[in-house]
Amino acid sequence: MIGKLNHVGVATPSIEASAAMYRDLMGCTDITPKFALPEQGVWVSFVNLPNAQIELIEPYGEASPIHAFLAKNPKGGQHHVCFEVQDILVARDEMRAKGATVLGTGEPRIGAHGVPVIFLHPKDMGGVLVELMQTPHH
């Protein structure tokens, strides 16, 4: 059902500091400028790797869901993994039918890549917050 790993989400108190670490320590030169997703309460930047991306996420605004994560992990850390699916609604319905909890209303929202996404509760996913994103139709 799931397709390839698209990205690993990493929460950080500072996208600039994290981007510098990926650039200076690990030699990653293809890092997108940070941009705001106010409706999701995050700043985002992508570290582009040959086979996937690291999505750096920093709190945007006081209501950001990332604040709670950073309260427990002050230096940041792995937040979620994102897999591609062909059809987000089919994937959502299959996951629900198999007993997984879809977060929020279950209605897909537009994610940082401009395509519909949903999140699955970590309690059903081996302790990992899982994002499913619909692949762009070709």
N, C-alpha and C. Protein backbone atom coordinates (compact mmCIF):
# COMPACT_ATOMS: atom_id res chain seq x y z
N MET A 1 0.82 -1.21 0.00
CA MET A 1 0.00 0.00 0.00
C MET A 1 0.86 1.26 0.00
N ILE A 2 1.80 1.36 0.96
CA ILE A 2 2.60 2.58 0.99
C ILE A 2 3.66 2.55 -0.10
N GLY A 3 3.98 3.74 -0.56
CA GLY A 3 5.04 3.88 -1.55
C GLY A 3 6.35 4.21 -0.87
N LYS A 4 7.17 4.96 -1.56
CA LYS A 4 8.50 5.23 -1.04
C LYS A 4 8.47 6.21 0.13
N LEU A 5 9.54 6.14 0.92
CA LEU A 5 9.74 7.13 1.97
C LEU A 5 9.97 8.47 1.28
N ASN A 6 9.16 9.47 1.63
CA ASN A 6 9.33 10.79 1.03
C ASN A 6 10.27 11.64 1.88
N HIS A 7 9.99 11.71 3.19
CA HIS A 7 10.84 12.50 4.07
C HIS A 7 10.74 12.04 5.51
N VAL A 8 11.73 12.46 6.28
CA VAL A 8 11.70 12.31 7.74
C VAL A 8 11.57 13.72 8.29
N GLY A 9 10.55 13.94 9.11
CA GLY A 9 10.34 15.23 9.74
C GLY A 9 11.16 15.35 11.00
N VAL A 10 11.91 16.45 11.13
CA VAL A 10 12.75 16.68 12.28
C VAL A 10 12.37 18.03 12.88
N ALA A 11 11.89 17.99 14.12
CA ALA A 11 11.55 19.23 14.83
C ALA A 11 12.83 19.88 15.33
N THR A 12 12.87 21.19 15.29
CA THR A 12 14.06 21.92 15.72
C THR A 12 13.66 23.28 16.30
N PRO A 13 14.38 23.74 17.31
CA PRO A 13 14.12 25.10 17.78
C PRO A 13 14.64 26.16 16.81
N SER A 14 15.53 25.77 15.89
CA SER A 14 16.10 26.72 14.94
C SER A 14 16.42 26.04 13.61
N ILE A 15 15.63 26.34 12.59
CA ILE A 15 15.92 25.80 11.26
C ILE A 15 17.30 26.25 10.80
N GLU A 16 17.64 27.49 11.09
CA GLU A 16 18.96 27.99 10.65
C GLU A 16 20.09 27.16 11.24
N ALA A 17 20.02 26.86 12.54
CA ALA A 17 21.08 26.08 13.20
C ALA A 17 21.10 24.65 12.65
N SER A 18 19.92 24.07 12.45
CA SER A 18 19.86 22.70 11.92
C SER A 18 20.38 22.66 10.49
N ALA A 19 19.99 23.64 9.67
CA ALA A 19 20.46 23.68 8.29
C ALA A 19 21.98 23.82 8.25
N ALA A 20 22.53 24.62 9.15
CA ALA A 20 23.99 24.79 9.21
C ALA A 20 24.66 23.47 9.56
N MET A 21 24.05 22.69 10.47
CA MET A 21 24.61 21.39 10.84
C MET A 21 24.60 20.45 9.64
N TYR A 22 23.47 20.37 8.92
CA TYR A 22 23.41 19.49 7.75
C TYR A 22 24.40 19.94 6.68
N ARG A 23 24.57 21.26 6.53
CA ARG A 23 25.48 21.81 5.52
C ARG A 23 26.94 21.62 5.94
N ASP A 24 27.28 22.10 7.14
CA ASP A 24 28.68 22.16 7.54
C ASP A 24 29.22 20.82 8.03
N LEU A 25 28.41 20.05 8.75
CA LEU A 25 28.88 18.79 9.31
C LEU A 25 28.70 17.63 8.33
N MET A 26 27.58 17.64 7.58
CA MET A 26 27.26 16.51 6.73
C MET A 26 27.43 16.78 5.24
N GLY A 27 27.71 18.03 4.87
CA GLY A 27 28.01 18.34 3.48
C GLY A 27 26.80 18.44 2.57
N CYS A 28 25.60 18.66 3.14
CA CYS A 28 24.39 18.81 2.32
C CYS A 28 24.30 20.25 1.83
N THR A 29 24.32 20.41 0.52
CA THR A 29 24.32 21.78 -0.03
C THR A 29 22.97 22.19 -0.60
N ASP A 30 22.07 21.23 -0.80
CA ASP A 30 20.77 21.53 -1.39
C ASP A 30 19.72 21.63 -0.28
N ILE A 31 19.61 22.82 0.30
CA ILE A 31 18.67 23.08 1.40
C ILE A 31 17.80 24.25 1.01
N THR A 32 16.48 24.05 1.06
CA THR A 32 15.57 25.10 0.62
C THR A 32 15.48 26.21 1.67
N PRO A 33 15.22 27.45 1.24
CA PRO A 33 14.97 28.52 2.21
C PRO A 33 13.74 28.17 3.05
N LYS A 34 13.73 28.62 4.30
CA LYS A 34 12.58 28.30 5.15
C LYS A 34 11.37 29.12 4.72
N PHE A 35 10.20 28.48 4.86
CA PHE A 35 8.95 29.16 4.53
C PHE A 35 7.91 28.81 5.59
N ALA A 36 6.91 29.67 5.72
CA ALA A 36 5.90 29.51 6.76
C ALA A 36 4.69 28.74 6.25
N LEU A 37 4.17 27.87 7.10
CA LEU A 37 2.86 27.23 6.91
C LEU A 37 2.03 27.61 8.13
N PRO A 38 1.51 28.86 8.16
CA PRO A 38 0.83 29.35 9.36
C PRO A 38 -0.35 28.49 9.79
N GLU A 39 -1.08 27.91 8.81
CA GLU A 39 -2.25 27.11 9.16
C GLU A 39 -1.86 25.82 9.87
N GLN A 40 -0.61 25.39 9.74
CA GLN A 40 -0.13 24.20 10.45
C GLN A 40 0.79 24.58 11.61
N GLY A 41 1.06 25.87 11.77
CA GLY A 41 1.85 26.33 12.91
C GLY A 41 3.32 25.99 12.82
N VAL A 42 3.86 25.93 11.59
CA VAL A 42 5.27 25.58 11.44
C VAL A 42 5.98 26.41 10.37
N TRP A 43 7.28 26.58 10.59
CA TRP A 43 8.21 26.98 9.55
C TRP A 43 8.79 25.69 8.99
N VAL A 44 9.09 25.65 7.71
CA VAL A 44 9.59 24.44 7.07
C VAL A 44 10.77 24.76 6.18
N SER A 45 11.73 23.83 6.14
CA SER A 45 12.82 23.87 5.18
C SER A 45 13.14 22.42 4.84
N PHE A 46 13.52 22.16 3.60
CA PHE A 46 13.84 20.80 3.18
C PHE A 46 15.33 20.65 2.88
N VAL A 47 15.91 19.61 3.46
CA VAL A 47 17.27 19.20 3.12
C VAL A 47 17.09 18.11 2.06
N ASN A 48 17.49 18.40 0.85
CA ASN A 48 17.30 17.46 -0.26
C ASN A 48 18.46 16.47 -0.33
N LEU A 49 18.12 15.20 -0.21
CA LEU A 49 19.08 14.11 -0.27
C LEU A 49 18.85 13.34 -1.57
N PRO A 50 19.79 12.49 -1.98
CA PRO A 50 19.60 11.77 -3.24
C PRO A 50 18.34 10.90 -3.28
N ASN A 51 17.90 10.36 -2.14
CA ASN A 51 16.78 9.42 -2.15
C ASN A 51 15.58 9.85 -1.32
N ALA A 52 15.63 10.98 -0.65
CA ALA A 52 14.52 11.45 0.20
C ALA A 52 14.86 12.86 0.67
N GLN A 53 14.06 13.36 1.59
CA GLN A 53 14.30 14.68 2.16
C GLN A 53 14.26 14.58 3.68
N ILE A 54 14.96 15.52 4.33
CA ILE A 54 14.76 15.78 5.75
C ILE A 54 13.93 17.05 5.79
N GLU A 55 12.77 16.99 6.46
CA GLU A 55 11.92 18.17 6.60
C GLU A 55 12.20 18.78 7.97
N LEU A 56 12.83 19.95 7.97
CA LEU A 56 13.08 20.66 9.22
C LEU A 56 11.84 21.47 9.56
N ILE A 57 11.32 21.28 10.78
CA ILE A 57 10.12 22.01 11.20
C ILE A 57 10.39 22.74 12.51
N GLU A 58 10.04 24.02 12.50
CA GLU A 58 10.26 24.91 13.64
C GLU A 58 8.90 25.53 13.99
N PRO A 59 8.64 25.77 15.28
CA PRO A 59 7.34 26.36 15.63
C PRO A 59 7.11 27.71 14.95
N TYR A 60 5.86 27.91 14.55
CA TYR A 60 5.41 29.19 13.99
C TYR A 60 4.20 29.60 14.82
N GLY A 61 4.34 30.64 15.61
CA GLY A 61 3.22 31.12 16.42
C GLY A 61 3.07 30.34 17.71
N GLU A 62 2.29 30.89 18.63
CA GLU A 62 2.15 30.31 19.96
C GLU A 62 1.37 29.01 19.96
N ALA A 63 0.50 28.79 18.98
CA ALA A 63 -0.35 27.59 18.96
C ALA A 63 0.31 26.41 18.23
N SER A 64 1.57 26.56 17.86
CA SER A 64 2.24 25.51 17.09
C SER A 64 2.25 24.18 17.83
N PRO A 65 1.88 23.08 17.14
CA PRO A 65 1.96 21.77 17.78
C PRO A 65 3.40 21.34 18.07
N ILE A 66 4.37 22.02 17.49
CA ILE A 66 5.77 21.67 17.69
C ILE A 66 6.28 22.11 19.07
N HIS A 67 5.60 23.11 19.69
CA HIS A 67 6.02 23.56 21.03
C HIS A 67 6.02 22.41 22.03
N ALA A 68 4.97 21.59 22.02
CA ALA A 68 4.88 20.47 22.98
C ALA A 68 6.00 19.47 22.75
N PHE A 69 6.30 19.19 21.48
CA PHE A 69 7.39 18.26 21.16
C PHE A 69 8.72 18.80 21.68
N LEU A 70 8.97 20.10 21.44
CA LEU A 70 10.23 20.69 21.86
C LEU A 70 10.32 20.84 23.38
N ALA A 71 9.18 20.91 24.06
CA ALA A 71 9.19 20.96 25.53
C ALA A 71 9.77 19.65 26.07
N LYS A 72 9.47 18.54 25.39
CA LYS A 72 9.98 17.23 25.81
C LYS A 72 11.36 16.95 25.23
N ASN A 73 11.67 17.58 24.10
CA ASN A 73 12.94 17.37 23.37
C ASN A 73 13.53 18.74 23.03
N PRO A 74 14.11 19.42 24.01
CA PRO A 74 14.51 20.83 23.81
C PRO A 74 15.47 21.07 22.65
N LYS A 75 16.29 20.06 22.31
CA LYS A 75 17.23 20.24 21.20
C LYS A 75 16.62 19.81 19.88
N GLY A 76 15.36 19.34 19.91
CA GLY A 76 14.71 18.87 18.70
C GLY A 76 14.87 17.37 18.56
N GLY A 77 14.45 16.84 17.42
CA GLY A 77 14.59 15.41 17.18
C GLY A 77 13.64 14.93 16.11
N GLN A 78 13.72 13.62 15.84
CA GLN A 78 12.87 13.02 14.81
C GLN A 78 11.41 13.13 15.23
N HIS A 79 10.59 13.72 14.38
CA HIS A 79 9.19 14.01 14.69
C HIS A 79 8.23 13.05 13.99
N HIS A 80 8.45 12.79 12.70
CA HIS A 80 7.57 11.89 11.95
C HIS A 80 8.29 11.35 10.72
N VAL A 81 7.72 10.29 10.15
CA VAL A 81 8.18 9.80 8.86
C VAL A 81 7.01 9.92 7.89
N CYS A 82 7.33 10.20 6.64
CA CYS A 82 6.29 10.41 5.63
C CYS A 82 6.48 9.45 4.47
N PHE A 83 5.41 8.71 4.17
CA PHE A 83 5.39 7.80 3.05
C PHE A 83 4.43 8.30 1.99
N GLU A 84 4.75 8.00 0.74
CA GLU A 84 3.87 8.38 -0.37
C GLU A 84 2.80 7.31 -0.57
N VAL A 85 1.60 7.75 -0.94
CA VAL A 85 0.50 6.86 -1.33
C VAL A 85 -0.11 7.40 -2.62
N GLN A 86 -0.70 6.50 -3.40
CA GLN A 86 -1.31 6.90 -4.67
C GLN A 86 -2.55 7.77 -4.46
N ASP A 87 -3.41 7.36 -3.52
CA ASP A 87 -4.68 8.05 -3.30
C ASP A 87 -4.89 8.20 -1.80
N ILE A 88 -4.88 9.43 -1.31
CA ILE A 88 -4.93 9.70 0.12
C ILE A 88 -6.24 9.22 0.75
N LEU A 89 -7.35 9.33 0.03
CA LEU A 89 -8.65 8.91 0.60
C LEU A 89 -8.75 7.40 0.70
N VAL A 90 -8.25 6.70 -0.31
CA VAL A 90 -8.22 5.24 -0.27
C VAL A 90 -7.32 4.79 0.88
N ALA A 91 -6.14 5.42 0.99
CA ALA A 91 -5.20 5.07 2.06
C ALA A 91 -5.83 5.32 3.43
N ARG A 92 -6.49 6.47 3.59
CA ARG A 92 -7.13 6.79 4.87
C ARG A 92 -8.18 5.73 5.22
N ASP A 93 -9.03 5.41 4.27
CA ASP A 93 -10.10 4.45 4.53
C ASP A 93 -9.55 3.07 4.84
N GLU A 94 -8.48 2.66 4.14
CA GLU A 94 -7.85 1.36 4.41
C GLU A 94 -7.25 1.34 5.80
N MET A 95 -6.56 2.42 6.18
CA MET A 95 -5.92 2.47 7.49
C MET A 95 -6.98 2.41 8.60
N ARG A 96 -8.07 3.16 8.42
CA ARG A 96 -9.15 3.12 9.41
C ARG A 96 -9.76 1.73 9.50
N ALA A 97 -9.97 1.08 8.35
CA ALA A 97 -10.58 -0.25 8.33
C ALA A 97 -9.69 -1.26 9.06
N LYS A 98 -8.38 -1.01 9.04
CA LYS A 98 -7.43 -1.91 9.71
C LYS A 98 -7.18 -1.50 11.17
N GLY A 99 -7.89 -0.46 11.64
CA GLY A 99 -7.83 -0.09 13.05
C GLY A 99 -6.88 1.04 13.41
N ALA A 100 -6.24 1.66 12.43
CA ALA A 100 -5.34 2.77 12.74
C ALA A 100 -6.13 4.05 12.97
N THR A 101 -5.64 4.88 13.87
CA THR A 101 -6.28 6.15 14.19
C THR A 101 -5.71 7.26 13.30
N VAL A 102 -6.60 7.90 12.53
CA VAL A 102 -6.21 9.05 11.72
C VAL A 102 -6.42 10.30 12.59
N LEU A 103 -5.39 11.12 12.70
CA LEU A 103 -5.46 12.30 13.56
C LEU A 103 -6.37 13.38 12.96
N GLY A 104 -6.87 14.24 13.84
CA GLY A 104 -7.74 15.34 13.42
C GLY A 104 -9.08 14.82 12.95
N THR A 105 -9.65 15.51 11.97
CA THR A 105 -10.97 15.14 11.45
C THR A 105 -10.86 13.96 10.49
N GLY A 106 -9.64 13.69 10.02
CA GLY A 106 -9.46 12.66 9.01
C GLY A 106 -9.54 13.21 7.60
N GLU A 107 -9.99 14.47 7.50
CA GLU A 107 -10.01 15.10 6.18
C GLU A 107 -8.58 15.52 5.84
N PRO A 108 -8.09 15.12 4.67
CA PRO A 108 -6.72 15.51 4.30
C PRO A 108 -6.58 17.03 4.25
N ARG A 109 -5.39 17.48 4.62
CA ARG A 109 -5.07 18.91 4.46
C ARG A 109 -3.87 19.00 3.54
N ILE A 110 -3.63 20.19 3.05
CA ILE A 110 -2.52 20.37 2.12
C ILE A 110 -1.23 20.55 2.92
N GLY A 111 -0.26 19.69 2.64
CA GLY A 111 1.01 19.71 3.37
C GLY A 111 2.04 20.60 2.71
N ALA A 112 3.25 20.51 3.21
CA ALA A 112 4.34 21.39 2.76
C ALA A 112 4.71 21.18 1.30
N HIS A 113 4.37 20.02 0.73
CA HIS A 113 4.67 19.77 -0.69
C HIS A 113 3.52 20.19 -1.60
N GLY A 114 2.45 20.76 -1.02
CA GLY A 114 1.32 21.22 -1.83
C GLY A 114 0.37 20.11 -2.24
N VAL A 115 0.46 18.94 -1.58
CA VAL A 115 -0.42 17.82 -1.88
C VAL A 115 -1.13 17.39 -0.58
N PRO A 116 -2.25 16.65 -0.70
CA PRO A 116 -3.00 16.25 0.49
C PRO A 116 -2.20 15.28 1.37
N VAL A 117 -2.33 15.49 2.70
CA VAL A 117 -1.67 14.64 3.69
C VAL A 117 -2.62 14.30 4.83
N ILE A 118 -2.32 13.17 5.49
CA ILE A 118 -2.97 12.82 6.75
C ILE A 118 -1.88 12.30 7.68
N PHE A 119 -2.18 12.26 8.98
CA PHE A 119 -1.26 11.72 9.97
C PHE A 119 -1.93 10.58 10.71
N LEU A 120 -1.14 9.55 11.02
CA LEU A 120 -1.62 8.38 11.75
C LEU A 120 -1.02 8.39 13.15
N HIS A 121 -1.85 8.06 14.15
CA HIS A 121 -1.44 8.15 15.54
C HIS A 121 -0.30 7.17 15.84
N PRO A 122 0.72 7.65 16.57
CA PRO A 122 1.86 6.79 16.89
C PRO A 122 1.48 5.51 17.65
N LYS A 123 0.41 5.54 18.44
CA LYS A 123 0.06 4.35 19.23
C LYS A 123 -0.29 3.16 18.34
N ASP A 124 -0.70 3.42 17.12
CA ASP A 124 -1.04 2.35 16.17
C ASP A 124 0.10 2.04 15.21
N MET A 125 1.17 2.82 15.27
CA MET A 125 2.23 2.75 14.26
C MET A 125 3.60 2.48 14.89
N GLY A 126 3.62 1.64 15.92
CA GLY A 126 4.89 1.27 16.55
C GLY A 126 5.59 2.42 17.23
N GLY A 127 4.82 3.41 17.69
CA GLY A 127 5.40 4.54 18.40
C GLY A 127 5.89 5.66 17.50
N VAL A 128 5.62 5.57 16.20
CA VAL A 128 6.09 6.57 15.25
C VAL A 128 4.91 7.34 14.67
N LEU A 129 4.97 8.67 14.71
CA LEU A 129 3.98 9.49 14.03
C LEU A 129 4.22 9.33 12.53
N VAL A 130 3.20 8.87 11.80
CA VAL A 130 3.35 8.61 10.36
C VAL A 130 2.49 9.57 9.56
N GLU A 131 3.09 10.21 8.59
CA GLU A 131 2.39 11.06 7.64
C GLU A 131 2.27 10.28 6.34
N LEU A 132 1.09 10.32 5.76
CA LEU A 132 0.90 9.79 4.41
C LEU A 132 0.62 10.97 3.50
N MET A 133 1.31 11.03 2.38
CA MET A 133 1.08 12.12 1.41
C MET A 133 0.76 11.53 0.06
N GLN A 134 -0.21 12.17 -0.59
CA GLN A 134 -0.59 11.72 -1.93
C GLN A 134 0.48 12.15 -2.92
N THR A 135 0.91 11.21 -3.75
CA THR A 135 1.90 11.57 -4.77
C THR A 135 1.22 12.43 -5.82
N PRO A 136 1.94 13.42 -6.33
CA PRO A 136 1.37 14.23 -7.40
C PRO A 136 1.04 13.34 -8.60
N HIS A 137 -0.11 13.56 -9.21
CA HIS A 137 -0.48 12.76 -10.38
C HIS A 137 0.32 13.20 -11.58
N HIS A 138 0.85 12.25 -12.29
CA HIS A 138 1.69 12.56 -13.47
C HIS A 138 0.85 12.49 -14.73
